[in-house]
């Protein structure tokens, strides 16, 4: 094991300690568990576990952005050029 130092305000330390005691853990064990849980959650974020989750993601994207045609690159470039020429107003 490696020892690390974590800087906390006295209020944070007391709040964490209370929850740790309630969970039957030392403050150190509670902080370690919280860090490991956060690490596991960050590894799972953004991964689709099934075809249905992937389909649901695309459906949510379409609901948010609409099902219309995406502009091609030339249209994007023209929009950026007009924005520069107009000082930020693209005419929309």
PDB file of N, CA and C in Angstrom:
ATOM      1  N   UNK A   1       0.839  -1.181   0.000  1.00  0.00           N
ATOM      2  CA  UNK A   1       0.000   0.000   0.000  1.00  0.00           C
ATOM      3  C   UNK A   1       0.884   1.243   0.000  1.00  0.00           C
ATOM      4  N   UNK A   2       0.363   2.278  -0.620  1.00  0.00           N
ATOM      5  CA  UNK A   2       1.029   3.569  -0.669  1.00  0.00           C
ATOM      6  C   UNK A   2       0.170   4.564   0.097  1.00  0.00           C
ATOM      7  N   UNK A   3       0.793   5.421   0.834  1.00  0.00           N
ATOM      8  CA  UNK A   3       0.074   6.430   1.601  1.00  0.00           C
ATOM      9  C   UNK A   3       0.047   7.726   0.794  1.00  0.00           C
ATOM     10  N   UNK A   4      -1.130   8.370   0.722  1.00  0.00           N
ATOM     11  CA  UNK A   4      -1.239   9.664   0.062  1.00  0.00           C
ATOM     12  C   UNK A   4      -1.867  10.655   1.022  1.00  0.00           C
ATOM     13  N   UNK A   5      -1.670  11.918   0.731  1.00  0.00           N
ATOM     14  CA  UNK A   5      -2.245  12.965   1.565  1.00  0.00           C
ATOM     15  C   UNK A   5      -3.354  13.642   0.776  1.00  0.00           C
ATOM     16  N   UNK A   6      -4.505  13.822   1.400  1.00  0.00           N
ATOM     17  CA  UNK A   6      -5.639  14.481   0.769  1.00  0.00           C
ATOM     18  C   UNK A   6      -5.972  15.711   1.592  1.00  0.00           C
ATOM     19  N   UNK A   7      -6.030  16.850   0.949  1.00  0.00           N
ATOM     20  CA  UNK A   7      -6.343  18.089   1.654  1.00  0.00           C
ATOM     21  C   UNK A   7      -7.852  18.286   1.667  1.00  0.00           C
ATOM     22  N   UNK A   8      -8.413  18.419   2.861  1.00  0.00           N
ATOM     23  CA  UNK A   8      -9.847  18.621   3.053  1.00  0.00           C
ATOM     24  C   UNK A   8     -10.059  19.758   4.031  1.00  0.00           C
ATOM     25  N   UNK A   9     -11.186  20.426   3.880  1.00  0.00           N
ATOM     26  CA  UNK A   9     -11.551  21.400   4.917  1.00  0.00           C
ATOM     27  C   UNK A   9     -11.998  20.608   6.138  1.00  0.00           C
ATOM     28  N   UNK A  10     -11.981  21.214   7.316  1.00  0.00           N
ATOM     29  CA  UNK A  10     -12.477  20.503   8.501  1.00  0.00           C
ATOM     30  C   UNK A  10     -13.922  20.032   8.334  1.00  0.00           C
ATOM     31  N   UNK A  11     -14.731  20.822   7.636  1.00  0.00           N
ATOM     32  CA  UNK A  11     -16.137  20.445   7.416  1.00  0.00           C
ATOM     33  C   UNK A  11     -16.250  19.232   6.500  1.00  0.00           C
ATOM     34  N   UNK A  12     -15.437  19.205   5.444  1.00  0.00           N
ATOM     35  CA  UNK A  12     -15.448  18.050   4.545  1.00  0.00           C
ATOM     36  C   UNK A  12     -15.005  16.795   5.283  1.00  0.00           C
ATOM     37  N   UNK A  13     -13.935  16.914   6.066  1.00  0.00           N
ATOM     38  CA  UNK A  13     -13.433  15.756   6.803  1.00  0.00           C
ATOM     39  C   UNK A  13     -14.503  15.214   7.741  1.00  0.00           C
ATOM     40  N   UNK A  14     -15.171  16.081   8.449  1.00  0.00           N
ATOM     41  CA  UNK A  14     -16.192  15.631   9.396  1.00  0.00           C
ATOM     42  C   UNK A  14     -17.380  15.000   8.676  1.00  0.00           C
ATOM     43  N   UNK A  15     -17.795  15.585   7.560  1.00  0.00           N
ATOM     44  CA  UNK A  15     -18.919  15.020   6.804  1.00  0.00           C
ATOM     45  C   UNK A  15     -18.557  13.642   6.267  1.00  0.00           C
ATOM     46  N   UNK A  16     -17.350  13.495   5.712  1.00  0.00           N
ATOM     47  CA  UNK A  16     -16.905  12.201   5.206  1.00  0.00           C
ATOM     48  C   UNK A  16     -16.791  11.189   6.342  1.00  0.00           C
ATOM     49  N   UNK A  17     -16.253  11.623   7.473  1.00  0.00           N
ATOM     50  CA  UNK A  17     -16.066  10.723   8.610  1.00  0.00           C
ATOM     51  C   UNK A  17     -17.414  10.199   9.101  1.00  0.00           C
ATOM     52  N   UNK A  18     -18.420  11.088   9.191  1.00  0.00           N
ATOM     53  CA  UNK A  18     -19.754  10.674   9.649  1.00  0.00           C
ATOM     54  C   UNK A  18     -20.337   9.597   8.737  1.00  0.00           C
ATOM     55  N   UNK A  19     -20.212   9.796   7.437  1.00  0.00           N
ATOM     56  CA  UNK A  19     -20.747   8.807   6.488  1.00  0.00           C
ATOM     57  C   UNK A  19     -19.953   7.506   6.581  1.00  0.00           C
ATOM     58  N   UNK A  20     -18.644   7.615   6.748  1.00  0.00           N
ATOM     59  CA  UNK A  20     -17.805   6.419   6.873  1.00  0.00           C
ATOM     60  C   UNK A  20     -18.220   5.604   8.093  1.00  0.00           C
ATOM     61  N   UNK A  21     -18.411   6.285   9.228  1.00  0.00           N
ATOM     62  CA  UNK A  21     -18.832   5.595  10.459  1.00  0.00           C
ATOM     63  C   UNK A  21     -20.185   4.934  10.243  1.00  0.00           C
ATOM     64  N   UNK A  22     -21.099   5.653   9.611  1.00  0.00           N
ATOM     65  CA  UNK A  22     -22.425   5.084   9.332  1.00  0.00           C
ATOM     66  C   UNK A  22     -22.314   3.833   8.470  1.00  0.00           C
ATOM     67  N   UNK A  23     -21.342   3.815   7.542  1.00  0.00           N
ATOM     68  CA  UNK A  23     -21.130   2.655   6.671  1.00  0.00           C
ATOM     69  C   UNK A  23     -20.254   1.588   7.317  1.00  0.00           C
ATOM     70  N   UNK A  24     -19.801   1.839   8.552  1.00  0.00           N
ATOM     71  CA  UNK A  24     -18.980   0.858   9.249  1.00  0.00           C
ATOM     72  C   UNK A  24     -17.546   0.793   8.752  1.00  0.00           C
ATOM     73  N   UNK A  25     -17.047   1.910   8.218  1.00  0.00           N
ATOM     74  CA  UNK A  25     -15.695   1.950   7.665  1.00  0.00           C
ATOM     75  C   UNK A  25     -14.877   3.050   8.335  1.00  0.00           C
ATOM     76  N   UNK A  26     -13.576   2.887   8.245  1.00  0.00           N
ATOM     77  CA  UNK A  26     -12.711   3.992   8.659  1.00  0.00           C
ATOM     78  C   UNK A  26     -12.784   5.061   7.575  1.00  0.00           C
ATOM     79  N   UNK A  27     -12.364   6.262   7.898  1.00  0.00           N
ATOM     80  CA  UNK A  27     -12.363   7.330   6.913  1.00  0.00           C
ATOM     81  C   UNK A  27     -11.483   6.951   5.726  1.00  0.00           C
ATOM     82  N   UNK A  28     -10.334   6.377   5.998  1.00  0.00           N
ATOM     83  CA  UNK A  28      -9.427   5.959   4.936  1.00  0.00           C
ATOM     84  C   UNK A  28     -10.082   4.921   4.024  1.00  0.00           C
ATOM     85  N   UNK A  29     -10.714   3.914   4.601  1.00  0.00           N
ATOM     86  CA  UNK A  29     -11.365   2.874   3.798  1.00  0.00           C
ATOM     87  C   UNK A  29     -12.523   3.452   2.990  1.00  0.00           C
ATOM     88  N   UNK A  30     -13.257   4.372   3.604  1.00  0.00           N
ATOM     89  CA  UNK A  30     -14.393   4.986   2.913  1.00  0.00           C
ATOM     90  C   UNK A  30     -13.920   5.804   1.721  1.00  0.00           C
ATOM     91  N   UNK A  31     -12.859   6.605   1.907  1.00  0.00           N
ATOM     92  CA  UNK A  31     -12.325   7.411   0.812  1.00  0.00           C
ATOM     93  C   UNK A  31     -11.792   6.519  -0.314  1.00  0.00           C
ATOM     94  N   UNK A  32     -11.128   5.422   0.079  1.00  0.00           N
ATOM     95  CA  UNK A  32     -10.599   4.492  -0.923  1.00  0.00           C
ATOM     96  C   UNK A  32     -11.744   3.875  -1.721  1.00  0.00           C
ATOM     97  N   UNK A  33     -12.800   3.435  -1.024  1.00  0.00           N
ATOM     98  CA  UNK A  33     -13.951   2.837  -1.712  1.00  0.00           C
ATOM     99  C   UNK A  33     -14.612   3.855  -2.638  1.00  0.00           C
ATOM    100  N   UNK A  34     -14.765   5.099  -2.162  1.00  0.00           N
ATOM    101  CA  UNK A  34     -15.379   6.138  -2.996  1.00  0.00           C
ATOM    102  C   UNK A  34     -14.553   6.377  -4.258  1.00  0.00           C
ATOM    103  N   UNK A  35     -13.233   6.404  -4.121  1.00  0.00           N
ATOM    104  CA  UNK A  35     -12.367   6.589  -5.281  1.00  0.00           C
ATOM    105  C   UNK A  35     -12.463   5.436  -6.257  1.00  0.00           C
ATOM    106  N   UNK A  36     -12.489   4.212  -5.729  1.00  0.00           N
ATOM    107  CA  UNK A  36     -12.596   3.034  -6.599  1.00  0.00           C
ATOM    108  C   UNK A  36     -13.934   3.005  -7.327  1.00  0.00           C
ATOM    109  N   UNK A  37     -15.009   3.397  -6.635  1.00  0.00           N
ATOM    110  CA  UNK A  37     -16.326   3.443  -7.276  1.00  0.00           C
ATOM    111  C   UNK A  37     -16.343   4.482  -8.384  1.00  0.00           C
ATOM    112  N   UNK A  38     -15.732   5.626  -8.138  1.00  0.00           N
ATOM    113  CA  UNK A  38     -15.670   6.684  -9.149  1.00  0.00           C
ATOM    114  C   UNK A  38     -14.852   6.229 -10.353  1.00  0.00           C
ATOM    115  N   UNK A  39     -13.755   5.527 -10.099  1.00  0.00           N
ATOM    116  CA  UNK A  39     -12.913   5.002 -11.169  1.00  0.00           C
ATOM    117  C   UNK A  39     -13.679   3.999 -12.025  1.00  0.00           C
ATOM    118  N   UNK A  40     -14.405   3.090 -11.382  1.00  0.00           N
ATOM    119  CA  UNK A  40     -15.190   2.097 -12.114  1.00  0.00           C
ATOM    120  C   UNK A  40     -16.275   2.769 -12.950  1.00  0.00           C
ATOM    121  N   UNK A  41     -16.926   3.782 -12.393  1.00  0.00           N
ATOM    122  CA  UNK A  41     -17.979   4.491 -13.127  1.00  0.00           C
ATOM    123  C   UNK A  41     -17.407   5.207 -14.342  1.00  0.00           C
ATOM    124  N   UNK A  42     -16.222   5.787 -14.201  1.00  0.00           N
ATOM    125  CA  UNK A  42     -15.632   6.505 -15.338  1.00  0.00           C
ATOM    126  C   UNK A  42     -15.221   5.545 -16.445  1.00  0.00           C
ATOM    127  N   UNK A  43     -14.862   4.340 -16.105  1.00  0.00           N
ATOM    128  CA  UNK A  43     -14.492   3.346 -17.120  1.00  0.00           C
ATOM    129  C   UNK A  43     -15.710   2.870 -17.899  1.00  0.00           C
ATOM    130  N   UNK A  44     -16.869   2.841 -17.235  1.00  0.00           N
ATOM    131  CA  UNK A  44     -18.084   2.358 -17.893  1.00  0.00           C
ATOM    132  C   UNK A  44     -18.768   3.438 -18.703  1.00  0.00           C
ATOM    133  N   UNK A  45     -18.539   4.709 -18.381  1.00  0.00           N
ATOM    134  CA  UNK A  45     -19.186   5.811 -19.061  1.00  0.00           C
ATOM    135  C   UNK A  45     -18.824   5.786 -20.538  1.00  0.00           C
ATOM    136  N   UNK A  46     -19.806   5.942 -21.377  1.00  0.00           N
ATOM    137  CA  UNK A  46     -19.547   6.011 -22.802  1.00  0.00           C
ATOM    138  C   UNK A  46     -19.491   4.669 -23.505  1.00  0.00           C
ATOM    139  N   UNK A  47     -19.647   3.595 -22.787  1.00  0.00           N
ATOM    140  CA  UNK A  47     -19.625   2.277 -23.431  1.00  0.00           C
ATOM    141  C   UNK A  47     -21.044   1.747 -23.552  1.00  0.00           C
ATOM    142  N   UNK A  48     -21.334   1.238 -24.709  1.00  0.00           N
ATOM    143  CA  UNK A  48     -22.638   0.629 -24.926  1.00  0.00           C
ATOM    144  C   UNK A  48     -22.514  -0.853 -24.631  1.00  0.00           C
ATOM    145  N   UNK A  49     -23.432  -1.354 -23.814  1.00  0.00           N
ATOM    146  CA  UNK A  49     -23.367  -2.754 -23.417  1.00  0.00           C
ATOM    147  C   UNK A  49     -24.257  -3.651 -24.279  1.00  0.00           C
ATOM    148  N   UNK A  50     -25.055  -3.037 -25.143  1.00  0.00           N
ATOM    149  CA  UNK A  50     -25.919  -3.846 -26.003  1.00  0.00           C
ATOM    150  C   UNK A  50     -26.275  -3.053 -27.253  1.00  0.00           C
ATOM    151  N   UNK A  51     -26.782  -3.772 -28.233  1.00  0.00           N
ATOM    152  CA  UNK A  51     -27.241  -3.135 -29.464  1.00  0.00           C
ATOM    153  C   UNK A  51     -28.397  -2.186 -29.156  1.00  0.00           C
ATOM    154  N   UNK A  52     -29.248  -2.568 -28.199  1.00  0.00           N
ATOM    155  CA  UNK A  52     -30.394  -1.741 -27.829  1.00  0.00           C
ATOM    156  C   UNK A  52     -29.938  -0.405 -27.235  1.00  0.00           C
ATOM    157  N   UNK A  53     -28.887  -0.417 -26.404  1.00  0.00           N
ATOM    158  CA  UNK A  53     -28.365   0.835 -25.846  1.00  0.00           C
ATOM    159  C   UNK A  53     -27.840   1.745 -26.953  1.00  0.00           C
ATOM    160  N   UNK A  54     -27.182   1.152 -27.935  1.00  0.00           N
ATOM    161  CA  UNK A  54     -26.665   1.928 -29.058  1.00  0.00           C
ATOM    162  C   UNK A  54     -27.818   2.549 -29.845  1.00  0.00           C
ATOM    163  N   UNK A  55     -28.846   1.765 -30.129  1.00  0.00           N
ATOM    164  CA  UNK A  55     -30.008   2.266 -30.856  1.00  0.00           C
ATOM    165  C   UNK A  55     -30.703   3.368 -30.063  1.00  0.00           C
ATOM    166  N   UNK A  56     -30.790   3.199 -28.758  1.00  0.00           N
ATOM    167  CA  UNK A  56     -31.410   4.209 -27.902  1.00  0.00           C
ATOM    168  C   UNK A  56     -30.615   5.512 -27.944  1.00  0.00           C
ATOM    169  N   UNK A  57     -29.275   5.399 -27.954  1.00  0.00           N
ATOM    170  CA  UNK A  57     -28.422   6.579 -28.045  1.00  0.00           C
ATOM    171  C   UNK A  57     -28.697   7.350 -29.332  1.00  0.00           C
ATOM    172  N   UNK A  58     -28.740   6.628 -30.477  1.00  0.00           N
ATOM    173  CA  UNK A  58     -28.975   7.300 -31.750  1.00  0.00           C
ATOM    174  C   UNK A  58     -30.375   7.901 -31.810  1.00  0.00           C
ATOM    175  N   UNK A  59     -31.344   7.236 -31.216  1.00  0.00           N
ATOM    176  CA  UNK A  59     -32.707   7.779 -31.181  1.00  0.00           C
ATOM    177  C   UNK A  59     -32.738   9.073 -30.377  1.00  0.00           C
ATOM    178  N   UNK A  60     -32.019   9.105 -29.263  1.00  0.00           N
ATOM    179  CA  UNK A  60     -31.956  10.322 -28.441  1.00  0.00           C
ATOM    180  C   UNK A  60     -31.267  11.452 -29.204  1.00  0.00           C
ATOM    181  N   UNK A  61     -30.224  11.116 -29.958  1.00  0.00           N
ATOM    182  CA  UNK A  61     -29.532  12.126 -30.771  1.00  0.00           C
ATOM    183  C   UNK A  61     -30.469  12.704 -31.819  1.00  0.00           C
ATOM    184  N   UNK A  62     -31.202  11.839 -32.495  1.00  0.00           N
ATOM    185  CA  UNK A  62     -32.137  12.308 -33.510  1.00  0.00           C
ATOM    186  C   UNK A  62     -33.243  13.148 -32.897  1.00  0.00           C
ATOM    187  N   UNK A  63     -33.720  12.757 -31.715  1.00  0.00           N
ATOM    188  CA  UNK A  63     -34.760  13.533 -31.053  1.00  0.00           C
ATOM    189  C   UNK A  63     -34.238  14.921 -30.688  1.00  0.00           C
ATOM    190  N   UNK A  64     -32.984  14.987 -30.324  1.00  0.00           N
ATOM    191  CA  UNK A  64     -32.394  16.268 -29.916  1.00  0.00           C
ATOM    192  C   UNK A  64     -32.063  17.144 -31.116  1.00  0.00           C
ATOM    193  N   UNK A  65     -31.466  16.560 -32.160  1.00  0.00           N
ATOM    194  CA  UNK A  65     -30.980  17.330 -33.300  1.00  0.00           C
ATOM    195  C   UNK A  65     -31.899  17.290 -34.509  1.00  0.00           C
ATOM    196  N   UNK A  66     -32.872  16.413 -34.498  1.00  0.00           N
ATOM    197  CA  UNK A  66     -33.750  16.276 -35.651  1.00  0.00           C
ATOM    198  C   UNK A  66     -33.187  15.267 -36.640  1.00  0.00           C
ATOM    199  N   UNK A  67     -34.021  14.892 -37.588  1.00  0.00           N
ATOM    200  CA  UNK A  67     -33.611  13.865 -38.554  1.00  0.00           C
ATOM    201  C   UNK A  67     -33.219  14.466 -39.889  1.00  0.00           C
ATOM    202  N   UNK A  68     -33.115  15.796 -39.958  1.00  0.00           N
ATOM    203  CA  UNK A  68     -32.773  16.457 -41.218  1.00  0.00           C
ATOM    204  C   UNK A  68     -31.372  16.102 -41.697  1.00  0.00           C
ATOM    205  N   UNK A  69     -31.089  16.534 -42.912  1.00  0.00           N
ATOM    206  CA  UNK A  69     -29.807  16.267 -43.539  1.00  0.00           C
ATOM    207  C   UNK A  69     -28.721  17.110 -42.869  1.00  0.00           C
ATOM    208  N   UNK A  70     -27.596  16.506 -42.639  1.00  0.00           N
ATOM    209  CA  UNK A  70     -26.428  17.210 -42.107  1.00  0.00           C
ATOM    210  C   UNK A  70     -25.780  17.988 -43.242  1.00  0.00           C
ATOM    211  N   UNK A  71     -25.423  19.275 -43.025  1.00  0.00           N
ATOM    212  CA  UNK A  71     -24.769  20.028 -44.102  1.00  0.00           C
ATOM    213  C   UNK A  71     -23.446  19.376 -44.499  1.00  0.00           C
ATOM    214  N   UNK A  72     -23.113  19.467 -45.779  1.00  0.00           N
ATOM    215  CA  UNK A  72     -21.826  18.929 -46.196  1.00  0.00           C
ATOM    216  C   UNK A  72     -20.722  19.928 -45.836  1.00  0.00           C
ATOM    217  N   UNK A  73     -19.477  19.517 -46.045  1.00  0.00           N
ATOM    218  CA  UNK A  73     -18.343  20.323 -45.592  1.00  0.00           C
ATOM    219  C   UNK A  73     -18.317  21.686 -46.279  1.00  0.00           C
ATOM    220  N   UNK A  74     -18.652  21.751 -47.558  1.00  0.00           N
ATOM    221  CA  UNK A  74     -18.653  23.030 -48.275  1.00  0.00           C
ATOM    222  C   UNK A  74     -19.647  24.005 -47.639  1.00  0.00           C
ATOM    223  N   UNK A  75     -20.799  23.496 -47.217  1.00  0.00           N
ATOM    224  CA  UNK A  75     -21.788  24.355 -46.552  1.00  0.00           C
ATOM    225  C   UNK A  75     -21.262  24.855 -45.208  1.00  0.00           C
ATOM    226  N   UNK A  76     -20.586  23.982 -44.460  1.00  0.00           N
ATOM    227  CA  UNK A  76     -19.985  24.414 -43.190  1.00  0.00           C
ATOM    228  C   UNK A  76     -18.965  25.527 -43.435  1.00  0.00           C
ATOM    229  N   UNK A  77     -18.111  25.336 -44.442  1.00  0.00           N
ATOM    230  CA  UNK A  77     -17.096  26.349 -44.748  1.00  0.00           C
ATOM    231  C   UNK A  77     -17.745  27.674 -45.140  1.00  0.00           C
ATOM    232  N   UNK A  78     -18.801  27.613 -45.936  1.00  0.00           N
ATOM    233  CA  UNK A  78     -19.493  28.833 -46.343  1.00  0.00           C
ATOM    234  C   UNK A  78     -20.117  29.539 -45.138  1.00  0.00           C
ATOM    235  N   UNK A  79     -20.709  28.789 -44.241  1.00  0.00           N
ATOM    236  CA  UNK A  79     -21.282  29.370 -43.023  1.00  0.00           C
ATOM    237  C   UNK A  79     -20.205  30.068 -42.197  1.00  0.00           C
ATOM    238  N   UNK A  80     -19.045  29.417 -42.055  1.00  0.00           N
ATOM    239  CA  UNK A  80     -17.949  30.030 -41.293  1.00  0.00           C
ATOM    240  C   UNK A  80     -17.443  31.291 -41.997  1.00  0.00           C
ATOM    241  N   UNK A  81     -17.331  31.255 -43.342  1.00  0.00           N
ATOM    242  CA  UNK A  81     -16.878  32.430 -44.095  1.00  0.00           C
ATOM    243  C   UNK A  81     -17.836  33.597 -43.921  1.00  0.00           C
ATOM    244  N   UNK A  82     -19.145  33.326 -44.035  1.00  0.00           N
ATOM    245  CA  UNK A  82     -20.149  34.381 -43.853  1.00  0.00           C
ATOM    246  C   UNK A  82     -20.088  34.949 -42.443  1.00  0.00           C
ATOM    247  N   UNK A  83     -19.880  34.072 -41.475  1.00  0.00           N
ATOM    248  CA  UNK A  83     -19.809  34.530 -40.091  1.00  0.00           C
ATOM    249  C   UNK A  83     -18.630  35.470 -39.901  1.00  0.00           C
ATOM    250  N   UNK A  84     -17.495  35.134 -40.473  1.00  0.00           N
ATOM    251  CA  UNK A  84     -16.312  36.017 -40.374  1.00  0.00           C
ATOM    252  C   UNK A  84     -16.572  37.338 -41.093  1.00  0.00           C
ATOM    253  N   UNK A  85     -17.155  37.252 -42.284  1.00  0.00           N
ATOM    254  CA  UNK A  85     -17.422  38.458 -43.074  1.00  0.00           C
ATOM    255  C   UNK A  85     -18.433  39.367 -42.405  1.00  0.00           C
ATOM    256  N   UNK A  86     -19.438  38.764 -41.745  1.00  0.00           N
ATOM    257  CA  UNK A  86     -20.513  39.531 -41.123  1.00  0.00           C
ATOM    258  C   UNK A  86     -20.198  39.918 -39.680  1.00  0.00           C
ATOM    259  N   UNK A  87     -19.042  39.555 -39.201  1.00  0.00           N
ATOM    260  CA  UNK A  87     -18.693  39.871 -37.814  1.00  0.00           C
ATOM    261  C   UNK A  87     -19.423  39.006 -36.816  1.00  0.00           C
ATOM    262  N   UNK A  88     -19.783  37.789 -37.204  1.00  0.00           N
ATOM    263  CA  UNK A  88     -20.412  36.858 -36.268  1.00  0.00           C
ATOM    264  C   UNK A  88     -21.854  36.566 -36.575  1.00  0.00           C
ATOM    265  N   UNK A  89     -22.518  37.372 -37.417  1.00  0.00           N
ATOM    266  CA  UNK A  89     -23.921  37.140 -37.766  1.00  0.00           C
ATOM    267  C   UNK A  89     -23.967  36.339 -39.058  1.00  0.00           C
ATOM    268  N   UNK A  90     -24.397  35.082 -38.986  1.00  0.00           N
ATOM    269  CA  UNK A  90     -24.408  34.216 -40.163  1.00  0.00           C
ATOM    270  C   UNK A  90     -25.655  34.403 -41.006  1.00  0.00           C
ATOM    271  N   UNK A  91     -26.502  35.359 -40.632  1.00  0.00           N
ATOM    272  CA  UNK A  91     -27.702  35.598 -41.421  1.00  0.00           C
ATOM    273  C   UNK A  91     -28.868  34.715 -41.048  1.00  0.00           C
ATOM    274  N   UNK A  92     -28.728  33.930 -39.981  1.00  0.00           N
ATOM    275  CA  UNK A  92     -29.833  33.062 -39.560  1.00  0.00           C
ATOM    276  C   UNK A  92     -30.511  33.632 -38.355  1.00  0.00           C
TER     277      UNK A  92
END
